[in-house]
Amino acid sequence: MNNLEPPKALRLDARCLKETWETWMQDYELYAIASGLTETSAEVQYATFLHVIGESARSVYKGFQFATVAASKDVATVRTAFTNYCTPKLNEVYERYRFNQLVPAAGESID
């Protein structure tokens, strides 16, 4: 399947980055399987992943800190780093504030 088109570059400026990442990752996994990329060497998979993800995501990748040089070239480790980057951190103080502002409706149980 040499005619298979890879997914478009990851949009880091998307409103909901987590959903955009998950959708892009699903598209990439389907592309990798259908194109036979999963049967190639780890080096080819790494290079293809960084090529397909796009220029803006590659600049983010350059800022990631990996334990070893080998880990920085492992596709699974790079995917985990991008998942952590694209998943928003929970602001515990704000979430606690929102919880404490809840007012139960009439007849609503505590559960």
PDB file of N, CA and C in Angstrom:
ATOM      1  N   MET A   1       0.829  -1.183   0.000  1.00  0.00           N
ATOM      2  CA  MET A   1       0.000   0.000   0.000  1.00  0.00           C
ATOM      3  C   MET A   1       0.872   1.243   0.000  1.00  0.00           C
ATOM      4  N   ASN A   2       1.623   1.453  -1.014  1.00  0.00           N
ATOM      5  CA  ASN A   2       2.504   2.617  -1.097  1.00  0.00           C
ATOM      6  C   ASN A   2       1.739   3.901  -1.341  1.00  0.00           C
ATOM      7  N   ASN A   3       0.505   3.831  -1.807  1.00  0.00           N
ATOM      8  CA  ASN A   3      -0.274   5.024  -2.109  1.00  0.00           C
ATOM      9  C   ASN A   3      -0.986   5.583  -0.893  1.00  0.00           C
ATOM     10  N   LEU A   4      -0.841   4.962   0.237  1.00  0.00           N
ATOM     11  CA  LEU A   4      -1.538   5.371   1.442  1.00  0.00           C
ATOM     12  C   LEU A   4      -0.999   6.713   1.936  1.00  0.00           C
ATOM     13  N   GLU A   5      -1.905   7.642   2.151  1.00  0.00           N
ATOM     14  CA  GLU A   5      -1.504   8.979   2.597  1.00  0.00           C
ATOM     15  C   GLU A   5      -1.426   9.003   4.127  1.00  0.00           C
ATOM     16  N   PRO A   6      -0.327   9.542   4.687  1.00  0.00           N
ATOM     17  CA  PRO A   6      -0.223   9.614   6.146  1.00  0.00           C
ATOM     18  C   PRO A   6      -1.178  10.661   6.709  1.00  0.00           C
ATOM     19  N   PRO A   7      -1.457  10.602   7.996  1.00  0.00           N
ATOM     20  CA  PRO A   7      -2.344  11.603   8.587  1.00  0.00           C
ATOM     21  C   PRO A   7      -1.714  12.993   8.507  1.00  0.00           C
ATOM     22  N   LYS A   8      -2.557  14.008   8.561  1.00  0.00           N
ATOM     23  CA  LYS A   8      -2.070  15.387   8.560  1.00  0.00           C
ATOM     24  C   LYS A   8      -1.267  15.631   9.828  1.00  0.00           C
ATOM     25  N   ALA A   9      -0.455  16.671   9.823  1.00  0.00           N
ATOM     26  CA  ALA A   9       0.372  17.002  10.985  1.00  0.00           C
ATOM     27  C   ALA A   9      -0.501  17.295  12.200  1.00  0.00           C
ATOM     28  N   LEU A  10       0.017  16.984  13.361  1.00  0.00           N
ATOM     29  CA  LEU A  10      -0.688  17.231  14.616  1.00  0.00           C
ATOM     30  C   LEU A  10      -0.821  18.733  14.832  1.00  0.00           C
ATOM     31  N   ARG A  11      -2.031  19.171  15.126  1.00  0.00           N
ATOM     32  CA  ARG A  11      -2.284  20.593  15.387  1.00  0.00           C
ATOM     33  C   ARG A  11      -2.176  20.858  16.880  1.00  0.00           C
ATOM     34  N   LEU A  12      -1.103  21.505  17.275  1.00  0.00           N
ATOM     35  CA  LEU A  12      -0.893  21.808  18.685  1.00  0.00           C
ATOM     36  C   LEU A  12      -1.671  23.030  19.134  1.00  0.00           C
ATOM     37  N   ASP A  13      -2.263  23.755  18.199  1.00  0.00           N
ATOM     38  CA  ASP A  13      -3.043  24.941  18.548  1.00  0.00           C
ATOM     39  C   ASP A  13      -4.541  24.636  18.649  1.00  0.00           C
ATOM     40  N   ALA A  14      -4.884  23.367  18.667  1.00  0.00           N
ATOM     41  CA  ALA A  14      -6.288  22.962  18.748  1.00  0.00           C
ATOM     42  C   ALA A  14      -6.873  23.356  20.096  1.00  0.00           C
ATOM     43  N   ARG A  15      -8.162  23.596  20.101  1.00  0.00           N
ATOM     44  CA  ARG A  15      -8.838  24.014  21.328  1.00  0.00           C
ATOM     45  C   ARG A  15      -8.781  22.922  22.396  1.00  0.00           C
ATOM     46  N   CYS A  16      -9.053  21.706  22.001  1.00  0.00           N
ATOM     47  CA  CYS A  16      -8.986  20.581  22.939  1.00  0.00           C
ATOM     48  C   CYS A  16      -7.846  19.669  22.482  1.00  0.00           C
ATOM     49  N   LEU A  17      -6.662  19.957  22.995  1.00  0.00           N
ATOM     50  CA  LEU A  17      -5.464  19.270  22.540  1.00  0.00           C
ATOM     51  C   LEU A  17      -5.496  17.774  22.844  1.00  0.00           C
ATOM     52  N   LYS A  18      -6.056  17.403  23.971  1.00  0.00           N
ATOM     53  CA  LYS A  18      -6.104  15.979  24.328  1.00  0.00           C
ATOM     54  C   LYS A  18      -6.900  15.188  23.304  1.00  0.00           C
ATOM     55  N   GLU A  19      -8.082  15.676  22.925  1.00  0.00           N
ATOM     56  CA  GLU A  19      -8.904  14.974  21.935  1.00  0.00           C
ATOM     57  C   GLU A  19      -8.218  14.965  20.570  1.00  0.00           C
ATOM     58  N   THR A  20      -7.595  16.072  20.214  1.00  0.00           N
ATOM     59  CA  THR A  20      -6.881  16.155  18.936  1.00  0.00           C
ATOM     60  C   THR A  20      -5.753  15.142  18.896  1.00  0.00           C
ATOM     61  N   TRP A  21      -5.006  15.035  19.995  1.00  0.00           N
ATOM     62  CA  TRP A  21      -3.915  14.063  20.078  1.00  0.00           C
ATOM     63  C   TRP A  21      -4.435  12.637  19.961  1.00  0.00           C
ATOM     64  N   GLU A  22      -5.489  12.319  20.680  1.00  0.00           N
ATOM     65  CA  GLU A  22      -6.033  10.962  20.647  1.00  0.00           C
ATOM     66  C   GLU A  22      -6.522  10.600  19.247  1.00  0.00           C
ATOM     67  N   THR A  23      -7.176  11.539  18.583  1.00  0.00           N
ATOM     68  CA  THR A  23      -7.645  11.302  17.220  1.00  0.00           C
ATOM     69  C   THR A  23      -6.471  11.120  16.272  1.00  0.00           C
ATOM     70  N   TRP A  24      -5.468  11.993  16.405  1.00  0.00           N
ATOM     71  CA  TRP A  24      -4.291  11.902  15.537  1.00  0.00           C
ATOM     72  C   TRP A  24      -3.574  10.584  15.770  1.00  0.00           C
ATOM     73  N   MET A  25      -3.444  10.180  17.029  1.00  0.00           N
ATOM     74  CA  MET A  25      -2.743   8.939  17.343  1.00  0.00           C
ATOM     75  C   MET A  25      -3.474   7.737  16.766  1.00  0.00           C
ATOM     76  N   GLN A  26      -4.804   7.756  16.829  1.00  0.00           N
ATOM     77  CA  GLN A  26      -5.583   6.666  16.241  1.00  0.00           C
ATOM     78  C   GLN A  26      -5.371   6.632  14.723  1.00  0.00           C
ATOM     79  N   ASP A  27      -5.389   7.793  14.086  1.00  0.00           N
ATOM     80  CA  ASP A  27      -5.136   7.856  12.644  1.00  0.00           C
ATOM     81  C   ASP A  27      -3.744   7.342  12.308  1.00  0.00           C
ATOM     82  N   TYR A  28      -2.760   7.708  13.118  1.00  0.00           N
ATOM     83  CA  TYR A  28      -1.386   7.272  12.869  1.00  0.00           C
ATOM     84  C   TYR A  28      -1.242   5.760  13.038  1.00  0.00           C
ATOM     85  N   GLU A  29      -1.859   5.208  14.073  1.00  0.00           N
ATOM     86  CA  GLU A  29      -1.779   3.765  14.282  1.00  0.00           C
ATOM     87  C   GLU A  29      -2.391   3.000  13.112  1.00  0.00           C
ATOM     88  N   LEU A  30      -3.522   3.482  12.619  1.00  0.00           N
ATOM     89  CA  LEU A  30      -4.146   2.847  11.449  1.00  0.00           C
ATOM     90  C   LEU A  30      -3.230   2.951  10.229  1.00  0.00           C
ATOM     91  N   TYR A  31      -2.621   4.106  10.050  1.00  0.00           N
ATOM     92  CA  TYR A  31      -1.687   4.312   8.935  1.00  0.00           C
ATOM     93  C   TYR A  31      -0.493   3.370   9.060  1.00  0.00           C
ATOM     94  N   ALA A  32       0.059   3.257  10.280  1.00  0.00           N
ATOM     95  CA  ALA A  32       1.237   2.420  10.482  1.00  0.00           C
ATOM     96  C   ALA A  32       0.938   0.958  10.177  1.00  0.00           C
ATOM     97  N   ILE A  33      -0.215   0.500  10.567  1.00  0.00           N
ATOM     98  CA  ILE A  33      -0.583  -0.890  10.310  1.00  0.00           C
ATOM     99  C   ILE A  33      -0.841  -1.117   8.824  1.00  0.00           C
ATOM    100  N   ALA A  34      -1.640  -0.232   8.229  1.00  0.00           N
ATOM    101  CA  ALA A  34      -2.020  -0.409   6.820  1.00  0.00           C
ATOM    102  C   ALA A  34      -0.834  -0.261   5.870  1.00  0.00           C
ATOM    103  N   SER A  35       0.130   0.569   6.219  1.00  0.00           N
ATOM    104  CA  SER A  35       1.268   0.790   5.334  1.00  0.00           C
ATOM    105  C   SER A  35       2.393  -0.214   5.556  1.00  0.00           C
ATOM    106  N   GLY A  36       2.266  -1.045   6.592  1.00  0.00           N
ATOM    107  CA  GLY A  36       3.307  -2.020   6.881  1.00  0.00           C
ATOM    108  C   GLY A  36       4.452  -1.433   7.691  1.00  0.00           C
ATOM    109  N   LEU A  37       4.268  -0.245   8.215  1.00  0.00           N
ATOM    110  CA  LEU A  37       5.312   0.421   8.998  1.00  0.00           C
ATOM    111  C   LEU A  37       5.655  -0.362  10.257  1.00  0.00           C
ATOM    112  N   THR A  38       4.683  -1.050  10.820  1.00  0.00           N
ATOM    113  CA  THR A  38       4.928  -1.808  12.053  1.00  0.00           C
ATOM    114  C   THR A  38       5.884  -2.978  11.829  1.00  0.00           C
ATOM    115  N   GLU A  39       6.089  -3.360  10.581  1.00  0.00           N
ATOM    116  CA  GLU A  39       6.985  -4.474  10.250  1.00  0.00           C
ATOM    117  C   GLU A  39       8.409  -4.002   9.963  1.00  0.00           C
ATOM    118  N   THR A  40       8.652  -2.691   9.995  1.00  0.00           N
ATOM    119  CA  THR A  40       9.974  -2.151   9.684  1.00  0.00           C
ATOM    120  C   THR A  40      10.795  -2.006  10.965  1.00  0.00           C
ATOM    121  N   SER A  41      12.027  -1.566  10.809  1.00  0.00           N
ATOM    122  CA  SER A  41      12.915  -1.408  11.960  1.00  0.00           C
ATOM    123  C   SER A  41      12.450  -0.269  12.863  1.00  0.00           C
ATOM    124  N   ALA A  42      12.905  -0.288  14.096  1.00  0.00           N
ATOM    125  CA  ALA A  42      12.540   0.743  15.071  1.00  0.00           C
ATOM    126  C   ALA A  42      13.018   2.115  14.611  1.00  0.00           C
ATOM    127  N   GLU A  43      14.151   2.156  13.956  1.00  0.00           N
ATOM    128  CA  GLU A  43      14.700   3.429  13.472  1.00  0.00           C
ATOM    129  C   GLU A  43      13.806   4.050  12.401  1.00  0.00           C
ATOM    130  N   VAL A  44      13.288   3.227  11.508  1.00  0.00           N
ATOM    131  CA  VAL A  44      12.383   3.711  10.458  1.00  0.00           C
ATOM    132  C   VAL A  44      11.062   4.163  11.075  1.00  0.00           C
ATOM    133  N   GLN A  45      10.560   3.423  12.050  1.00  0.00           N
ATOM    134  CA  GLN A  45       9.312   3.808  12.723  1.00  0.00           C
ATOM    135  C   GLN A  45       9.477   5.148  13.433  1.00  0.00           C
ATOM    136  N   TYR A  46      10.603   5.339  14.098  1.00  0.00           N
ATOM    137  CA  TYR A  46      10.892   6.594  14.799  1.00  0.00           C
ATOM    138  C   TYR A  46      10.954   7.762  13.809  1.00  0.00           C
ATOM    139  N   ALA A  47      11.676   7.588  12.731  1.00  0.00           N
ATOM    140  CA  ALA A  47      11.824   8.662  11.746  1.00  0.00           C
ATOM    141  C   ALA A  47      10.491   8.984  11.081  1.00  0.00           C
ATOM    142  N   THR A  48       9.711   7.974  10.774  1.00  0.00           N
ATOM    143  CA  THR A  48       8.411   8.194  10.148  1.00  0.00           C
ATOM    144  C   THR A  48       7.464   8.903  11.111  1.00  0.00           C
ATOM    145  N   PHE A  49       7.467   8.496  12.360  1.00  0.00           N
ATOM    146  CA  PHE A  49       6.612   9.136  13.353  1.00  0.00           C
ATOM    147  C   PHE A  49       6.922  10.627  13.454  1.00  0.00           C
ATOM    148  N   LEU A  50       8.190  10.961  13.596  1.00  0.00           N
ATOM    149  CA  LEU A  50       8.556  12.377  13.717  1.00  0.00           C
ATOM    150  C   LEU A  50       8.318  13.151  12.425  1.00  0.00           C
ATOM    151  N   HIS A  51       8.425  12.496  11.299  1.00  0.00           N
ATOM    152  CA  HIS A  51       8.145  13.170  10.030  1.00  0.00           C
ATOM    153  C   HIS A  51       6.652  13.466   9.900  1.00  0.00           C
ATOM    154  N   VAL A  52       5.829  12.493  10.210  1.00  0.00           N
ATOM    155  CA  VAL A  52       4.389  12.630  10.030  1.00  0.00           C
ATOM    156  C   VAL A  52       3.779  13.580  11.065  1.00  0.00           C
ATOM    157  N   ILE A  53       4.320  13.634  12.262  1.00  0.00           N
ATOM    158  CA  ILE A  53       3.715  14.442  13.321  1.00  0.00           C
ATOM    159  C   ILE A  53       3.775  15.940  13.018  1.00  0.00           C
ATOM    160  N   GLY A  54       4.723  16.350  12.221  1.00  0.00           N
ATOM    161  CA  GLY A  54       4.761  17.740  11.793  1.00  0.00           C
ATOM    162  C   GLY A  54       5.847  18.571  12.462  1.00  0.00           C
ATOM    163  N   GLU A  55       6.108  19.720  11.856  1.00  0.00           N
ATOM    164  CA  GLU A  55       7.212  20.579  12.287  1.00  0.00           C
ATOM    165  C   GLU A  55       7.005  21.169  13.678  1.00  0.00           C
ATOM    166  N   SER A  56       5.801  21.640  13.977  1.00  0.00           N
ATOM    167  CA  SER A  56       5.571  22.259  15.286  1.00  0.00           C
ATOM    168  C   SER A  56       5.695  21.231  16.403  1.00  0.00           C
ATOM    169  N   ALA A  57       5.234  20.018  16.172  1.00  0.00           N
ATOM    170  CA  ALA A  57       5.354  18.968  17.190  1.00  0.00           C
ATOM    171  C   ALA A  57       6.808  18.526  17.337  1.00  0.00           C
ATOM    172  N   ARG A  58       7.576  18.561  16.244  1.00  0.00           N
ATOM    173  CA  ARG A  58       9.000  18.219  16.349  1.00  0.00           C
ATOM    174  C   ARG A  58       9.743  19.235  17.211  1.00  0.00           C
ATOM    175  N   SER A  59       9.331  20.494  17.143  1.00  0.00           N
ATOM    176  CA  SER A  59       9.990  21.493  17.997  1.00  0.00           C
ATOM    177  C   SER A  59       9.646  21.242  19.462  1.00  0.00           C
ATOM    178  N   VAL A  60       8.432  20.757  19.749  1.00  0.00           N
ATOM    179  CA  VAL A  60       8.067  20.382  21.114  1.00  0.00           C
ATOM    180  C   VAL A  60       8.895  19.164  21.534  1.00  0.00           C
ATOM    181  N   TYR A  61       9.063  18.215  20.634  1.00  0.00           N
ATOM    182  CA  TYR A  61       9.835  17.004  20.914  1.00  0.00           C
ATOM    183  C   TYR A  61      11.262  17.354  21.333  1.00  0.00           C
ATOM    184  N   LYS A  62      11.831  18.352  20.708  1.00  0.00           N
ATOM    185  CA  LYS A  62      13.202  18.756  21.035  1.00  0.00           C
ATOM    186  C   LYS A  62      13.319  19.226  22.483  1.00  0.00           C
ATOM    187  N   GLY A  63      12.231  19.662  23.080  1.00  0.00           N
ATOM    188  CA  GLY A  63      12.243  20.120  24.461  1.00  0.00           C
ATOM    189  C   GLY A  63      12.005  19.037  25.491  1.00  0.00           C
ATOM    190  N   PHE A  64      11.661  17.838  25.065  1.00  0.00           N
ATOM    191  CA  PHE A  64      11.428  16.737  25.990  1.00  0.00           C
ATOM    192  C   PHE A  64      12.745  16.281  26.615  1.00  0.00           C
ATOM    193  N   GLN A  65      12.659  15.844  27.869  1.00  0.00           N
ATOM    194  CA  GLN A  65      13.814  15.291  28.574  1.00  0.00           C
ATOM    195  C   GLN A  65      13.626  13.782  28.681  1.00  0.00           C
ATOM    196  N   PHE A  66      14.575  13.027  28.151  1.00  0.00           N
ATOM    197  CA  PHE A  66      14.527  11.570  28.206  1.00  0.00           C
ATOM    198  C   PHE A  66      15.672  11.059  29.061  1.00  0.00           C
ATOM    199  N   ALA A  67      15.479   9.889  29.648  1.00  0.00           N
ATOM    200  CA  ALA A  67      16.497   9.313  30.531  1.00  0.00           C
ATOM    201  C   ALA A  67      17.772   8.981  29.760  1.00  0.00           C
ATOM    202  N   THR A  68      17.621   8.447  28.550  1.00  0.00           N
ATOM    203  CA  THR A  68      18.784   8.079  27.741  1.00  0.00           C
ATOM    204  C   THR A  68      18.554   8.509  26.296  1.00  0.00           C
ATOM    205  N   VAL A  69      19.610   8.488  25.530  1.00  0.00           N
ATOM    206  CA  VAL A  69      19.500   8.806  24.111  1.00  0.00           C
ATOM    207  C   VAL A  69      18.674   7.736  23.405  1.00  0.00           C
ATOM    208  N   ALA A  70      18.833   6.496  23.818  1.00  0.00           N
ATOM    209  CA  ALA A  70      18.065   5.402  23.212  1.00  0.00           C
ATOM    210  C   ALA A  70      16.577   5.587  23.470  1.00  0.00           C
ATOM    211  N   ALA A  71      16.223   6.071  24.656  1.00  0.00           N
ATOM    212  CA  ALA A  71      14.811   6.298  24.979  1.00  0.00           C
ATOM    213  C   ALA A  71      14.224   7.402  24.113  1.00  0.00           C
ATOM    214  N   SER A  72      15.034   8.379  23.751  1.00  0.00           N
ATOM    215  CA  SER A  72      14.539   9.476  22.921  1.00  0.00           C
ATOM    216  C   SER A  72      14.253   9.023  21.494  1.00  0.00           C
ATOM    217  N   LYS A  73      14.760   7.864  21.109  1.00  0.00           N
ATOM    218  CA  LYS A  73      14.533   7.340  19.763  1.00  0.00           C
ATOM    219  C   LYS A  73      13.595   6.135  19.767  1.00  0.00           C
ATOM    220  N   ASP A  74      12.984   5.851  20.912  1.00  0.00           N
ATOM    221  CA  ASP A  74      12.025   4.765  21.033  1.00  0.00           C
ATOM    222  C   ASP A  74      10.619   5.343  20.811  1.00  0.00           C
ATOM    223  N   VAL A  75       9.900   4.838  19.828  1.00  0.00           N
ATOM    224  CA  VAL A  75       8.594   5.393  19.463  1.00  0.00           C
ATOM    225  C   VAL A  75       7.613   5.329  20.630  1.00  0.00           C
ATOM    226  N   ALA A  76       7.610   4.257  21.381  1.00  0.00           N
ATOM    227  CA  ALA A  76       6.677   4.132  22.513  1.00  0.00           C
ATOM    228  C   ALA A  76       6.956   5.191  23.570  1.00  0.00           C
ATOM    229  N   THR A  77       8.224   5.454  23.839  1.00  0.00           N
ATOM    230  CA  THR A  77       8.593   6.472  24.820  1.00  0.00           C
ATOM    231  C   THR A  77       8.232   7.867  24.317  1.00  0.00           C
ATOM    232  N   VAL A  78       8.454   8.116  23.048  1.00  0.00           N
ATOM    233  CA  VAL A  78       8.117   9.417  22.461  1.00  0.00           C
ATOM    234  C   VAL A  78       6.607   9.619  22.483  1.00  0.00           C
ATOM    235  N   ARG A  79       5.857   8.571  22.171  1.00  0.00           N
ATOM    236  CA  ARG A  79       4.389   8.671  22.218  1.00  0.00           C
ATOM    237  C   ARG A  79       3.908   8.968  23.637  1.00  0.00           C
ATOM    238  N   THR A  80       4.516   8.345  24.628  1.00  0.00           N
ATOM    239  CA  THR A  80       4.154   8.604  26.017  1.00  0.00           C
ATOM    240  C   THR A  80       4.458  10.052  26.385  1.00  0.00           C
ATOM    241  N   ALA A  81       5.588  10.562  25.925  1.00  0.00           N
ATOM    242  CA  ALA A  81       5.945  11.953  26.205  1.00  0.00           C
ATOM    243  C   ALA A  81       4.929  12.904  25.587  1.00  0.00           C
ATOM    244  N   PHE A  82       4.502  12.621  24.365  1.00  0.00           N
ATOM    245  CA  PHE A  82       3.493  13.466  23.718  1.00  0.00           C
ATOM    246  C   PHE A  82       2.137  13.332  24.416  1.00  0.00           C
ATOM    247  N   THR A  83       1.803  12.152  24.876  1.00  0.00           N
ATOM    248  CA  THR A  83       0.544  11.971  25.606  1.00  0.00           C
ATOM    249  C   THR A  83       0.556  12.812  26.877  1.00  0.00           C
ATOM    250  N   ASN A  84       1.667  12.800  27.595  1.00  0.00           N
ATOM    251  CA  ASN A  84       1.789  13.618  28.802  1.00  0.00           C
ATOM    252  C   ASN A  84       1.728  15.104  28.471  1.00  0.00           C
ATOM    253  N   TYR A  85       2.320  15.490  27.357  1.00  0.00           N
ATOM    254  CA  TYR A  85       2.320  16.897  26.948  1.00  0.00           C
ATOM    255  C   TYR A  85       0.911  17.353  26.561  1.00  0.00           C
ATOM    256  N   CYS A  86       0.176  16.517  25.880  1.00  0.00           N
ATOM    257  CA  CYS A  86      -1.145  16.893  25.353  1.00  0.00           C
ATOM    258  C   CYS A  86      -2.271  16.719  26.357  1.00  0.00           C
ATOM    259  N   THR A  87      -2.019  16.050  27.461  1.00  0.00           N
ATOM    260  CA  THR A  87      -3.043  15.853  28.482  1.00  0.00           C
ATOM    261  C   THR A  87      -2.916  16.972  29.512  1.00  0.00           C
ATOM    262  N   PRO A  88      -3.965  17.767  29.683  1.00  0.00           N
ATOM    263  CA  PRO A  88      -3.859  18.888  30.625  1.00  0.00           C
ATOM    264  C   PRO A  88      -3.729  18.407  32.064  1.00  0.00           C
ATOM    265  N   LYS A  89      -2.964  19.149  32.811  1.00  0.00           N
ATOM    266  CA  LYS A  89      -2.799  18.838  34.230  1.00  0.00           C
ATOM    267  C   LYS A  89      -4.005  19.377  34.985  1.00  0.00           C
ATOM    268  N   LEU A  90      -4.421  18.652  36.003  1.00  0.00           N
ATOM    269  CA  LEU A  90      -5.561  19.053  36.804  1.00  0.00           C
ATOM    270  C   LEU A  90      -5.094  20.030  37.876  1.00  0.00           C
ATOM    271  N   ASN A  91      -5.790  21.157  37.985  1.00  0.00           N
ATOM    272  CA  ASN A  91      -5.500  22.134  39.021  1.00  0.00           C
ATOM    273  C   ASN A  91      -6.310  21.727  40.249  1.00  0.00           C
ATOM    274  N   GLU A  92      -5.652  21.075  41.188  1.00  0.00           N
ATOM    275  CA  GLU A  92      -6.345  20.499  42.330  1.00  0.00           C
ATOM    276  C   GLU A  92      -7.043  21.563  43.178  1.00  0.00           C
ATOM    277  N   VAL A  93      -6.413  22.702  43.357  1.00  0.00           N
ATOM    278  CA  VAL A  93      -7.002  23.770  44.172  1.00  0.00           C
ATOM    279  C   VAL A  93      -8.286  24.275  43.521  1.00  0.00           C
ATOM    280  N   TYR A  94      -8.249  24.488  42.202  1.00  0.00           N
ATOM    281  CA  TYR A  94      -9.424  24.974  41.493  1.00  0.00           C
ATOM    282  C   TYR A  94     -10.546  23.931  41.507  1.00  0.00           C
ATOM    283  N   GLU A  95     -10.197  22.676  41.292  1.00  0.00           N
ATOM    284  CA  GLU A  95     -11.200  21.616  41.302  1.00  0.00           C
ATOM    285  C   GLU A  95     -11.845  21.481  42.680  1.00  0.00           C
ATOM    286  N   ARG A  96     -11.061  21.643  43.717  1.00  0.00           N
ATOM    287  CA  ARG A  96     -11.593  21.605  45.078  1.00  0.00           C
ATOM    288  C   ARG A  96     -12.556  22.778  45.293  1.00  0.00           C
ATOM    289  N   TYR A  97     -12.174  23.951  44.795  1.00  0.00           N
ATOM    290  CA  TYR A  97     -13.031  25.133  44.891  1.00  0.00           C
ATOM    291  C   TYR A  97     -14.362  24.886  44.180  1.00  0.00           C
ATOM    292  N   ARG A  98     -14.303  24.343  42.963  1.00  0.00           N
ATOM    293  CA  ARG A  98     -15.534  24.053  42.214  1.00  0.00           C
ATOM    294  C   ARG A  98     -16.420  23.067  42.957  1.00  0.00           C
ATOM    295  N   PHE A  99     -15.798  22.046  43.557  1.00  0.00           N
ATOM    296  CA  PHE A  99     -16.559  21.053  44.306  1.00  0.00           C
ATOM    297  C   PHE A  99     -17.258  21.708  45.498  1.00  0.00           C
ATOM    298  N   ASN A 100     -16.549  22.563  46.202  1.00  0.00           N
ATOM    299  CA  ASN A 100     -17.118  23.212  47.386  1.00  0.00           C
ATOM    300  C   ASN A 100     -18.192  24.236  47.032  1.00  0.00           C
ATOM    301  N   GLN A 101     -18.259  24.672  45.784  1.00  0.00           N
ATOM    302  CA  GLN A 101     -19.278  25.624  45.354  1.00  0.00           C
ATOM    303  C   GLN A 101     -20.568  24.936  44.916  1.00  0.00           C
ATOM    304  N   LEU A 102     -20.564  23.617  44.852  1.00  0.00           N
ATOM    305  CA  LEU A 102     -21.763  22.888  44.441  1.00  0.00           C
ATOM    306  C   LEU A 102     -22.884  23.085  45.457  1.00  0.00           C
ATOM    307  N   VAL A 103     -24.075  23.301  44.946  1.00  0.00           N
ATOM    308  CA  VAL A 103     -25.257  23.448  45.788  1.00  0.00           C
ATOM    309  C   VAL A 103     -26.249  22.372  45.352  1.00  0.00           C
ATOM    310  N   PRO A 104     -26.664  21.497  46.266  1.00  0.00           N
ATOM    311  CA  PRO A 104     -27.584  20.440  45.863  1.00  0.00           C
ATOM    312  C   PRO A 104     -28.958  21.001  45.517  1.00  0.00           C
ATOM    313  N   ALA A 105     -29.568  20.403  44.521  1.00  0.00           N
ATOM    314  CA  ALA A 105     -30.919  20.793  44.129  1.00  0.00           C
ATOM    315  C   ALA A 105     -31.916  20.264  45.161  1.00  0.00           C
ATOM    316  N   ALA A 106     -33.085  20.820  45.141  1.00  0.00           N
ATOM    317  CA  ALA A 106     -34.126  20.384  46.079  1.00  0.00           C
ATOM    318  C   ALA A 106     -34.416  18.902  45.863  1.00  0.00           C
ATOM    319  N   GLY A 107     -34.365  18.123  46.934  1.00  0.00           N
ATOM    320  CA  GLY A 107     -34.668  16.706  46.856  1.00  0.00           C
ATOM    321  C   GLY A 107     -33.500  15.863  46.371  1.00  0.00           C
ATOM    322  N   GLU A 108     -32.366  16.467  46.064  1.00  0.00           N
ATOM    323  CA  GLU A 108     -31.191  15.714  45.574  1.00  0.00           C
ATOM    324  C   GLU A 108     -30.455  15.128  46.771  1.00  0.00           C
ATOM    325  N   SER A 109     -30.116  13.837  46.668  1.00  0.00           N
ATOM    326  CA  SER A 109     -29.406  13.190  47.770  1.00  0.00           C
ATOM    327  C   SER A 109     -27.933  13.560  47.721  1.00  0.00           C
ATOM    328  N   ILE A 110     -27.229  13.245  48.778  1.00  0.00           N
ATOM    329  CA  ILE A 110     -25.794  13.543  48.873  1.00  0.00           C
ATOM    330  C   ILE A 110     -24.996  12.708  47.889  1.00  0.00           C
ATOM    331  N   ASP A 111     -25.514  11.543  47.522  1.00  0.00           N
ATOM    332  CA  ASP A 111     -24.822  10.681  46.570  1.00  0.00           C
ATOM    333  C   ASP A 111     -24.874  11.296  45.205  1.00  0.00           C
TER     334      ASP A 111
END
